[in-house]
Amino acid sequence: SRKVLVLFVVQKLEARFPQASKTSIGHVVQLLYRAS
């Protein structure tokens, strides 16, 4: 699901990129969704 995918990415990134929130990563996933 989108929620699980976003949470996985945020947890892996938070140590090095604390600015990577669930909202921002959700928007990255949305970009890939728009790209089909």
PDB file of all heavy atoms in Angstrom:
ATOM      1  N   SER A   1       0.859  -1.186   0.000  1.00  0.00           N
ATOM      2  CA  SER A   1       0.000   0.000   0.000  1.00  0.00           C
ATOM      3  C   SER A   1       0.893   1.233   0.000  1.00  0.00           C
ATOM      4  O   SER A   1       2.069   1.171   0.396  1.00  0.00           O
ATOM      5  CB  SER A   1      -0.888   0.012   1.241  1.00  0.00           C
ATOM      6  OG  SER A   1      -0.107   0.207   2.411  1.00  0.00           O
ATOM      7  N   ARG A   2       0.358   2.360  -0.419  1.00  0.00           N
ATOM      8  CA  ARG A   2       1.136   3.596  -0.453  1.00  0.00           C
ATOM      9  C   ARG A   2       1.658   3.934   0.943  1.00  0.00           C
ATOM     10  O   ARG A   2       2.823   4.324   1.099  1.00  0.00           O
ATOM     11  CB  ARG A   2       0.276   4.738  -0.987  1.00  0.00           C
ATOM     12  CG  ARG A   2       1.022   6.071  -1.112  1.00  0.00           C
ATOM     13  CD  ARG A   2       0.062   7.200  -1.450  1.00  0.00           C
ATOM     14  NE  ARG A   2      -0.545   7.012  -2.735  1.00  0.00           N
ATOM     15  CZ  ARG A   2      -0.270   7.744  -3.818  1.00  0.00           C
ATOM     16  NH1 ARG A   2       0.633   8.704  -3.737  1.00  0.00           N
ATOM     17  NH2 ARG A   2      -0.891   7.531  -4.958  1.00  0.00           N
ATOM     18  N   LYS A   3       0.817   3.763   1.967  1.00  0.00           N
ATOM     19  CA  LYS A   3       1.204   4.104   3.332  1.00  0.00           C
ATOM     20  C   LYS A   3       2.395   3.283   3.791  1.00  0.00           C
ATOM     21  O   LYS A   3       3.360   3.808   4.361  1.00  0.00           O
ATOM     22  CB  LYS A   3       0.010   3.881   4.261  1.00  0.00           C
ATOM     23  CG  LYS A   3       0.288   4.238   5.715  1.00  0.00           C
ATOM     24  CD  LYS A   3      -0.961   4.037   6.583  1.00  0.00           C
ATOM     25  CE  LYS A   3      -0.684   4.381   8.040  1.00  0.00           C
ATOM     26  NZ  LYS A   3      -1.897   4.177   8.888  1.00  0.00           N
ATOM     27  N   VAL A   4       2.369   1.971   3.531  1.00  0.00           N
ATOM     28  CA  VAL A   4       3.461   1.094   3.948  1.00  0.00           C
ATOM     29  C   VAL A   4       4.740   1.428   3.183  1.00  0.00           C
ATOM     30  O   VAL A   4       5.838   1.475   3.757  1.00  0.00           O
ATOM     31  CB  VAL A   4       3.074  -0.385   3.738  1.00  0.00           C
ATOM     32  CG1 VAL A   4       4.277  -1.301   3.944  1.00  0.00           C
ATOM     33  CG2 VAL A   4       1.944  -0.776   4.689  1.00  0.00           C
ATOM     34  N   LEU A   5       4.608   1.682   1.887  1.00  0.00           N
ATOM     35  CA  LEU A   5       5.774   2.016   1.056  1.00  0.00           C
ATOM     36  C   LEU A   5       6.420   3.309   1.536  1.00  0.00           C
ATOM     37  O   LEU A   5       7.647   3.376   1.706  1.00  0.00           O
ATOM     38  CB  LEU A   5       5.345   2.148  -0.405  1.00  0.00           C
ATOM     39  CG  LEU A   5       6.427   2.582  -1.398  1.00  0.00           C
ATOM     40  CD1 LEU A   5       7.574   1.576  -1.431  1.00  0.00           C
ATOM     41  CD2 LEU A   5       5.838   2.763  -2.790  1.00  0.00           C
ATOM     42  N   VAL A   6       5.616   4.332   1.794  1.00  0.00           N
ATOM     43  CA  VAL A   6       6.135   5.627   2.248  1.00  0.00           C
ATOM     44  C   VAL A   6       6.816   5.484   3.603  1.00  0.00           C
ATOM     45  O   VAL A   6       7.913   6.020   3.820  1.00  0.00           O
ATOM     46  CB  VAL A   6       4.999   6.671   2.320  1.00  0.00           C
ATOM     47  CG1 VAL A   6       5.454   7.915   3.068  1.00  0.00           C
ATOM     48  CG2 VAL A   6       4.523   7.031   0.918  1.00  0.00           C
ATOM     49  N   LEU A   7       6.191   4.752   4.510  1.00  0.00           N
ATOM     50  CA  LEU A   7       6.762   4.565   5.848  1.00  0.00           C
ATOM     51  C   LEU A   7       8.108   3.849   5.773  1.00  0.00           C
ATOM     52  O   LEU A   7       9.059   4.202   6.479  1.00  0.00           O
ATOM     53  CB  LEU A   7       5.789   3.775   6.721  1.00  0.00           C
ATOM     54  CG  LEU A   7       6.119   3.706   8.222  1.00  0.00           C
ATOM     55  CD1 LEU A   7       6.197   5.109   8.816  1.00  0.00           C
ATOM     56  CD2 LEU A   7       5.097   2.867   8.971  1.00  0.00           C
ATOM     57  N   PHE A   8       8.214   2.850   4.922  1.00  0.00           N
ATOM     58  CA  PHE A   8       9.475   2.110   4.739  1.00  0.00           C
ATOM     59  C   PHE A   8      10.585   3.055   4.291  1.00  0.00           C
ATOM     60  O   PHE A   8      11.697   3.041   4.837  1.00  0.00           O
ATOM     61  CB  PHE A   8       9.273   0.991   3.709  1.00  0.00           C
ATOM     62  CG  PHE A   8      10.547   0.324   3.274  1.00  0.00           C
ATOM     63  CD1 PHE A   8      11.148  -0.653   4.058  1.00  0.00           C
ATOM     64  CD2 PHE A   8      11.157   0.673   2.067  1.00  0.00           C
ATOM     65  CE1 PHE A   8      12.343  -1.262   3.654  1.00  0.00           C
ATOM     66  CE2 PHE A   8      12.334   0.069   1.656  1.00  0.00           C
ATOM     67  CZ  PHE A   8      12.924  -0.901   2.446  1.00  0.00           C
ATOM     68  N   VAL A   9      10.301   3.902   3.294  1.00  0.00           N
ATOM     69  CA  VAL A   9      11.313   4.818   2.768  1.00  0.00           C
ATOM     70  C   VAL A   9      11.716   5.849   3.814  1.00  0.00           C
ATOM     71  O   VAL A   9      12.904   6.126   4.009  1.00  0.00           O
ATOM     72  CB  VAL A   9      10.797   5.514   1.484  1.00  0.00           C
ATOM     73  CG1 VAL A   9      11.804   6.557   0.998  1.00  0.00           C
ATOM     74  CG2 VAL A   9      10.534   4.482   0.387  1.00  0.00           C
ATOM     75  N   VAL A  10      10.742   6.405   4.535  1.00  0.00           N
ATOM     76  CA  VAL A  10      11.032   7.420   5.556  1.00  0.00           C
ATOM     77  C   VAL A  10      11.924   6.848   6.652  1.00  0.00           C
ATOM     78  O   VAL A  10      12.902   7.484   7.071  1.00  0.00           O
ATOM     79  CB  VAL A  10       9.721   7.974   6.156  1.00  0.00           C
ATOM     80  CG1 VAL A  10      10.025   8.847   7.384  1.00  0.00           C
ATOM     81  CG2 VAL A  10       8.960   8.783   5.117  1.00  0.00           C
ATOM     82  N   GLN A  11      11.618   5.650   7.103  1.00  0.00           N
ATOM     83  CA  GLN A  11      12.406   5.038   8.172  1.00  0.00           C
ATOM     84  C   GLN A  11      13.844   4.789   7.739  1.00  0.00           C
ATOM     85  O   GLN A  11      14.780   4.924   8.535  1.00  0.00           O
ATOM     86  CB  GLN A  11      11.752   3.724   8.612  1.00  0.00           C
ATOM     87  CG  GLN A  11      10.456   3.927   9.389  1.00  0.00           C
ATOM     88  CD  GLN A  11       9.761   2.623   9.722  1.00  0.00           C
ATOM     89  OE1 GLN A  11      10.040   1.570   9.130  1.00  0.00           O
ATOM     90  NE2 GLN A  11       8.824   2.683  10.659  1.00  0.00           N
ATOM     91  N   LYS A  12      14.037   4.426   6.481  1.00  0.00           N
ATOM     92  CA  LYS A  12      15.392   4.178   5.989  1.00  0.00           C
ATOM     93  C   LYS A  12      16.172   5.481   5.774  1.00  0.00           C
ATOM     94  O   LYS A  12      17.400   5.504   5.877  1.00  0.00           O
ATOM     95  CB  LYS A  12      15.328   3.417   4.659  1.00  0.00           C
ATOM     96  CG  LYS A  12      14.777   1.997   4.765  1.00  0.00           C
ATOM     97  CD  LYS A  12      15.758   1.072   5.451  1.00  0.00           C
ATOM     98  CE  LYS A  12      15.272  -0.366   5.435  1.00  0.00           C
ATOM     99  NZ  LYS A  12      16.214  -1.276   6.123  1.00  0.00           N
ATOM    100  N   LEU A  13      15.464   6.567   5.487  1.00  0.00           N
ATOM    101  CA  LEU A  13      16.114   7.832   5.164  1.00  0.00           C
ATOM    102  C   LEU A  13      16.343   8.741   6.364  1.00  0.00           C
ATOM    103  O   LEU A  13      17.223   9.605   6.322  1.00  0.00           O
ATOM    104  CB  LEU A  13      15.278   8.608   4.128  1.00  0.00           C
ATOM    105  CG  LEU A  13      15.339   8.176   2.660  1.00  0.00           C
ATOM    106  CD1 LEU A  13      14.406   9.054   1.846  1.00  0.00           C
ATOM    107  CD2 LEU A  13      16.757   8.263   2.116  1.00  0.00           C
ATOM    108  N   GLU A  14      15.557   8.573   7.430  1.00  0.00           N
ATOM    109  CA  GLU A  14      15.512   9.594   8.485  1.00  0.00           C
ATOM    110  C   GLU A  14      16.848   9.858   9.152  1.00  0.00           C
ATOM    111  O   GLU A  14      17.109  10.976   9.615  1.00  0.00           O
ATOM    112  CB  GLU A  14      14.459   9.227   9.538  1.00  0.00           C
ATOM    113  CG  GLU A  14      14.686   7.924  10.236  1.00  0.00           C
ATOM    114  CD  GLU A  14      13.527   7.591  11.176  1.00  0.00           C
ATOM    115  OE1 GLU A  14      12.609   8.422  11.288  1.00  0.00           O
ATOM    116  OE2 GLU A  14      13.548   6.499  11.790  1.00  0.00           O
ATOM    117  N   ALA A  15      17.748   8.874   9.186  1.00  0.00           N
ATOM    118  CA  ALA A  15      19.041   9.089   9.841  1.00  0.00           C
ATOM    119  C   ALA A  15      19.897  10.101   9.086  1.00  0.00           C
ATOM    120  O   ALA A  15      20.560  10.952   9.683  1.00  0.00           O
ATOM    121  CB  ALA A  15      19.793   7.761   9.959  1.00  0.00           C
ATOM    122  N   ARG A  16      19.877  10.032   7.758  1.00  0.00           N
ATOM    123  CA  ARG A  16      20.718  10.922   6.946  1.00  0.00           C
ATOM    124  C   ARG A  16      19.975  12.126   6.401  1.00  0.00           C
ATOM    125  O   ARG A  16      20.557  13.170   6.139  1.00  0.00           O
ATOM    126  CB  ARG A  16      21.337  10.138   5.784  1.00  0.00           C
ATOM    127  CG  ARG A  16      22.462   9.209   6.227  1.00  0.00           C
ATOM    128  CD  ARG A  16      23.102   8.479   5.058  1.00  0.00           C
ATOM    129  NE  ARG A  16      22.132   7.675   4.318  1.00  0.00           N
ATOM    130  CZ  ARG A  16      21.954   7.730   3.017  1.00  0.00           C
ATOM    131  NH1 ARG A  16      22.629   8.601   2.303  1.00  0.00           N
ATOM    132  NH2 ARG A  16      21.077   6.940   2.428  1.00  0.00           N
ATOM    133  N   PHE A  17      18.666  11.967   6.173  1.00  0.00           N
ATOM    134  CA  PHE A  17      17.870  13.053   5.608  1.00  0.00           C
ATOM    135  C   PHE A  17      16.631  13.284   6.474  1.00  0.00           C
ATOM    136  O   PHE A  17      15.535  12.838   6.139  1.00  0.00           O
ATOM    137  CB  PHE A  17      17.449  12.709   4.172  1.00  0.00           C
ATOM    138  CG  PHE A  17      18.597  12.458   3.235  1.00  0.00           C
ATOM    139  CD1 PHE A  17      18.864  11.180   2.776  1.00  0.00           C
ATOM    140  CD2 PHE A  17      19.422  13.496   2.827  1.00  0.00           C
ATOM    141  CE1 PHE A  17      19.906  10.938   1.907  1.00  0.00           C
ATOM    142  CE2 PHE A  17      20.485  13.265   1.952  1.00  0.00           C
ATOM    143  CZ  PHE A  17      20.727  11.985   1.504  1.00  0.00           C
ATOM    144  N   PRO A  18      16.802  13.983   7.603  1.00  0.00           N
ATOM    145  CA  PRO A  18      15.665  14.199   8.504  1.00  0.00           C
ATOM    146  C   PRO A  18      14.527  14.998   7.876  1.00  0.00           C
ATOM    147  O   PRO A  18      13.399  14.960   8.365  1.00  0.00           O
ATOM    148  CB  PRO A  18      16.291  14.967   9.689  1.00  0.00           C
ATOM    149  CG  PRO A  18      17.578  15.531   9.161  1.00  0.00           C
ATOM    150  CD  PRO A  18      18.055  14.582   8.127  1.00  0.00           C
ATOM    151  N   GLN A  19      14.813  15.699   6.760  1.00  0.00           N
ATOM    152  CA  GLN A  19      13.757  16.473   6.103  1.00  0.00           C
ATOM    153  C   GLN A  19      12.808  15.581   5.310  1.00  0.00           C
ATOM    154  O   GLN A  19      11.771  16.045   4.808  1.00  0.00           O
ATOM    155  CB  GLN A  19      14.371  17.530   5.170  1.00  0.00           C
ATOM    156  CG  GLN A  19      14.967  17.002   3.867  1.00  0.00           C
ATOM    157  CD  GLN A  19      16.419  16.553   4.004  1.00  0.00           C
ATOM    158  OE1 GLN A  19      16.853  16.189   5.085  1.00  0.00           O
ATOM    159  NE2 GLN A  19      17.154  16.581   2.902  1.00  0.00           N
ATOM    160  N   ALA A  20      13.144  14.310   5.184  1.00  0.00           N
ATOM    161  CA  ALA A  20      12.301  13.385   4.415  1.00  0.00           C
ATOM    162  C   ALA A  20      11.131  12.918   5.285  1.00  0.00           C
ATOM    163  O   ALA A  20      11.190  11.895   5.952  1.00  0.00           O
ATOM    164  CB  ALA A  20      13.130  12.194   3.941  1.00  0.00           C
ATOM    165  N   SER A  21      10.042  13.662   5.257  1.00  0.00           N
ATOM    166  CA  SER A  21       8.853  13.335   6.038  1.00  0.00           C
ATOM    167  C   SER A  21       7.939  12.407   5.248  1.00  0.00           C
ATOM    168  O   SER A  21       8.142  12.166   4.056  1.00  0.00           O
ATOM    169  CB  SER A  21       8.099  14.619   6.379  1.00  0.00           C
ATOM    170  OG  SER A  21       7.643  15.241   5.176  1.00  0.00           O
ATOM    171  N   LYS A  22       6.906  11.906   5.924  1.00  0.00           N
ATOM    172  CA  LYS A  22       5.931  11.055   5.228  1.00  0.00           C
ATOM    173  C   LYS A  22       5.231  11.837   4.114  1.00  0.00           C
ATOM    174  O   LYS A  22       4.932  11.286   3.050  1.00  0.00           O
ATOM    175  CB  LYS A  22       4.914  10.510   6.232  1.00  0.00           C
ATOM    176  CG  LYS A  22       5.470   9.416   7.134  1.00  0.00           C
ATOM    177  CD  LYS A  22       4.406   8.771   7.984  1.00  0.00           C
ATOM    178  CE  LYS A  22       4.005   9.686   9.119  1.00  0.00           C
ATOM    179  NZ  LYS A  22       3.085   9.007  10.077  1.00  0.00           N
ATOM    180  N   THR A  23       5.008  13.129   4.353  1.00  0.00           N
ATOM    181  CA  THR A  23       4.352  13.945   3.327  1.00  0.00           C
ATOM    182  C   THR A  23       5.244  14.108   2.092  1.00  0.00           C
ATOM    183  O   THR A  23       4.799  13.923   0.950  1.00  0.00           O
ATOM    184  CB  THR A  23       4.007  15.330   3.893  1.00  0.00           C
ATOM    185  OG1 THR A  23       3.102  15.179   4.990  1.00  0.00           O
ATOM    186  CG2 THR A  23       3.354  16.201   2.823  1.00  0.00           C
ATOM    187  N   SER A  24       6.529  14.456   2.327  1.00  0.00           N
ATOM    188  CA  SER A  24       7.434  14.693   1.200  1.00  0.00           C
ATOM    189  C   SER A  24       7.691  13.409   0.406  1.00  0.00           C
ATOM    190  O   SER A  24       7.713  13.428  -0.832  1.00  0.00           O
ATOM    191  CB  SER A  24       8.754  15.297   1.687  1.00  0.00           C
ATOM    192  OG  SER A  24       9.439  14.394   2.536  1.00  0.00           O
ATOM    193  N   ILE A  25       7.871  12.283   1.111  1.00  0.00           N
ATOM    194  CA  ILE A  25       8.096  11.020   0.402  1.00  0.00           C
ATOM    195  C   ILE A  25       6.817  10.590  -0.317  1.00  0.00           C
ATOM    196  O   ILE A  25       6.864  10.020  -1.410  1.00  0.00           O
ATOM    197  CB  ILE A  25       8.573   9.925   1.368  1.00  0.00           C
ATOM    198  CG1 ILE A  25       9.933  10.300   1.972  1.00  0.00           C
ATOM    199  CG2 ILE A  25       8.671   8.576   0.657  1.00  0.00           C
ATOM    200  CD1 ILE A  25      11.030  10.514   0.940  1.00  0.00           C
ATOM    201  N   GLY A  26       5.684  10.893   0.282  1.00  0.00           N
ATOM    202  CA  GLY A  26       4.411  10.605  -0.392  1.00  0.00           C
ATOM    203  C   GLY A  26       4.311  11.348  -1.705  1.00  0.00           C
ATOM    204  O   GLY A  26       3.785  10.828  -2.696  1.00  0.00           O
ATOM    205  N   HIS A  27       4.864  12.564  -1.744  1.00  0.00           N
ATOM    206  CA  HIS A  27       4.850  13.352  -2.971  1.00  0.00           C
ATOM    207  C   HIS A  27       5.814  12.787  -4.018  1.00  0.00           C
ATOM    208  O   HIS A  27       5.575  12.902  -5.226  1.00  0.00           O
ATOM    209  CB  HIS A  27       5.196  14.804  -2.662  1.00  0.00           C
ATOM    210  CG  HIS A  27       4.105  15.519  -1.931  1.00  0.00           C
ATOM    211  ND1 HIS A  27       4.308  16.722  -1.280  1.00  0.00           N
ATOM    212  CD2 HIS A  27       2.797  15.198  -1.735  1.00  0.00           C
ATOM    213  CE1 HIS A  27       3.162  17.116  -0.720  1.00  0.00           C
ATOM    214  NE2 HIS A  27       2.242  16.210  -0.989  1.00  0.00           N
ATOM    215  N   VAL A  28       6.929  12.189  -3.560  1.00  0.00           N
ATOM    216  CA  VAL A  28       7.853  11.523  -4.489  1.00  0.00           C
ATOM    217  C   VAL A  28       7.163  10.308  -5.115  1.00  0.00           C
ATOM    218  O   VAL A  28       7.251  10.073  -6.325  1.00  0.00           O
ATOM    219  CB  VAL A  28       9.146  11.090  -3.770  1.00  0.00           C
ATOM    220  CG1 VAL A  28      10.022  10.247  -4.698  1.00  0.00           C
ATOM    221  CG2 VAL A  28       9.916  12.308  -3.265  1.00  0.00           C
ATOM    222  N   VAL A  29       6.460   9.541  -4.283  1.00  0.00           N
ATOM    223  CA  VAL A  29       5.718   8.379  -4.780  1.00  0.00           C
ATOM    224  C   VAL A  29       4.638   8.827  -5.765  1.00  0.00           C
ATOM    225  O   VAL A  29       4.390   8.173  -6.782  1.00  0.00           O
ATOM    226  CB  VAL A  29       5.105   7.583  -3.607  1.00  0.00           C
ATOM    227  CG1 VAL A  29       4.164   6.484  -4.114  1.00  0.00           C
ATOM    228  CG2 VAL A  29       6.213   6.968  -2.752  1.00  0.00           C
ATOM    229  N   GLN A  30       4.018   9.960  -5.480  1.00  0.00           N
ATOM    230  CA  GLN A  30       2.998  10.494  -6.380  1.00  0.00           C
ATOM    231  C   GLN A  30       3.587  10.832  -7.751  1.00  0.00           C
ATOM    232  O   GLN A  30       2.934  10.650  -8.784  1.00  0.00           O
ATOM    233  CB  GLN A  30       2.353  11.740  -5.759  1.00  0.00           C
ATOM    234  CG  GLN A  30       1.322  12.440  -6.628  1.00  0.00           C
ATOM    235  CD  GLN A  30       0.101  11.585  -6.929  1.00  0.00           C
ATOM    236  OE1 GLN A  30      -0.168  10.609  -6.235  1.00  0.00           O
ATOM    237  NE2 GLN A  30      -0.642  11.954  -7.966  1.00  0.00           N
ATOM    238  N   LEU A  31       4.831  11.303  -7.756  1.00  0.00           N
ATOM    239  CA  LEU A  31       5.508  11.608  -9.011  1.00  0.00           C
ATOM    240  C   LEU A  31       5.653  10.342  -9.857  1.00  0.00           C
ATOM    241  O   LEU A  31       5.402  10.342 -11.066  1.00  0.00           O
ATOM    242  CB  LEU A  31       6.878  12.222  -8.732  1.00  0.00           C
ATOM    243  CG  LEU A  31       7.683  12.752  -9.913  1.00  0.00           C
ATOM    244  CD1 LEU A  31       6.956  13.886 -10.605  1.00  0.00           C
ATOM    245  CD2 LEU A  31       9.052  13.216  -9.450  1.00  0.00           C
ATOM    246  N   LEU A  32       6.031   9.236  -9.210  1.00  0.00           N
ATOM    247  CA  LEU A  32       6.154   7.961  -9.916  1.00  0.00           C
ATOM    248  C   LEU A  32       4.782   7.455 -10.363  1.00  0.00           C
ATOM    249  O   LEU A  32       4.651   6.840 -11.427  1.00  0.00           O
ATOM    250  CB  LEU A  32       6.831   6.919  -9.020  1.00  0.00           C
ATOM    251  CG  LEU A  32       8.270   7.236  -8.591  1.00  0.00           C
ATOM    252  CD1 LEU A  32       8.793   6.162  -7.640  1.00  0.00           C
ATOM    253  CD2 LEU A  32       9.188   7.347  -9.813  1.00  0.00           C
ATOM    254  N   TYR A  33       3.770   7.732  -9.553  1.00  0.00           N
ATOM    255  CA  TYR A  33       2.405   7.331  -9.917  1.00  0.00           C
ATOM    256  C   TYR A  33       1.943   8.086 -11.167  1.00  0.00           C
ATOM    257  O   TYR A  33       1.366   7.502 -12.083  1.00  0.00           O
ATOM    258  CB  TYR A  33       1.466   7.607  -8.742  1.00  0.00           C
ATOM    259  CG  TYR A  33       0.019   7.254  -9.016  1.00  0.00           C
ATOM    260  CD1 TYR A  33      -0.428   5.933  -8.888  1.00  0.00           C
ATOM    261  CD2 TYR A  33      -0.884   8.232  -9.398  1.00  0.00           C
ATOM    262  CE1 TYR A  33      -1.757   5.608  -9.142  1.00  0.00           C
ATOM    263  CE2 TYR A  33      -2.216   7.922  -9.660  1.00  0.00           C
ATOM    264  CZ  TYR A  33      -2.647   6.606  -9.524  1.00  0.00           C
ATOM    265  OH  TYR A  33      -3.953   6.279  -9.798  1.00  0.00           O
ATOM    266  N   ARG A  34       2.245   9.393 -11.204  1.00  0.00           N
ATOM    267  CA  ARG A  34       1.897  10.192 -12.384  1.00  0.00           C
ATOM    268  C   ARG A  34       2.623   9.688 -13.623  1.00  0.00           C
ATOM    269  O   ARG A  34       2.114   9.793 -14.743  1.00  0.00           O
ATOM    270  CB  ARG A  34       2.243  11.664 -12.160  1.00  0.00           C
ATOM    271  CG  ARG A  34       1.214  12.469 -11.393  1.00  0.00           C
ATOM    272  CD  ARG A  34       1.652  13.924 -11.327  1.00  0.00           C
ATOM    273  NE  ARG A  34       1.860  14.489 -12.650  1.00  0.00           N
ATOM    274  CZ  ARG A  34       0.950  15.176 -13.339  1.00  0.00           C
ATOM    275  NH1 ARG A  34      -0.258  15.378 -12.816  1.00  0.00           N
ATOM    276  NH2 ARG A  34       1.224  15.667 -14.518  1.00  0.00           N
ATOM    277  N   ALA A  35       3.821   9.136 -13.424  1.00  0.00           N
ATOM    278  CA  ALA A  35       4.615   8.620 -14.537  1.00  0.00           C
ATOM    279  C   ALA A  35       4.181   7.218 -14.950  1.00  0.00           C
ATOM    280  O   ALA A  35       4.810   6.605 -15.813  1.00  0.00           O
ATOM    281  CB  ALA A  35       6.094   8.621 -14.159  1.00  0.00           C
ATOM    282  N   SER A  36       3.123   6.703 -14.309  1.00  0.00           N
ATOM    283  CA  SER A  36       2.575   5.366 -14.625  1.00  0.00           C
ATOM    284  C   SER A  36       3.594   4.248 -14.404  1.00  0.00           C
ATOM    285  O   SER A  36       3.679   3.305 -15.187  1.00  0.00           O
ATOM    286  CB  SER A  36       2.075   5.329 -16.077  1.00  0.00           C
ATOM    287  OG  SER A  36       1.073   6.294 -16.290  1.00  0.00           O
TER     288      SER A  36
END
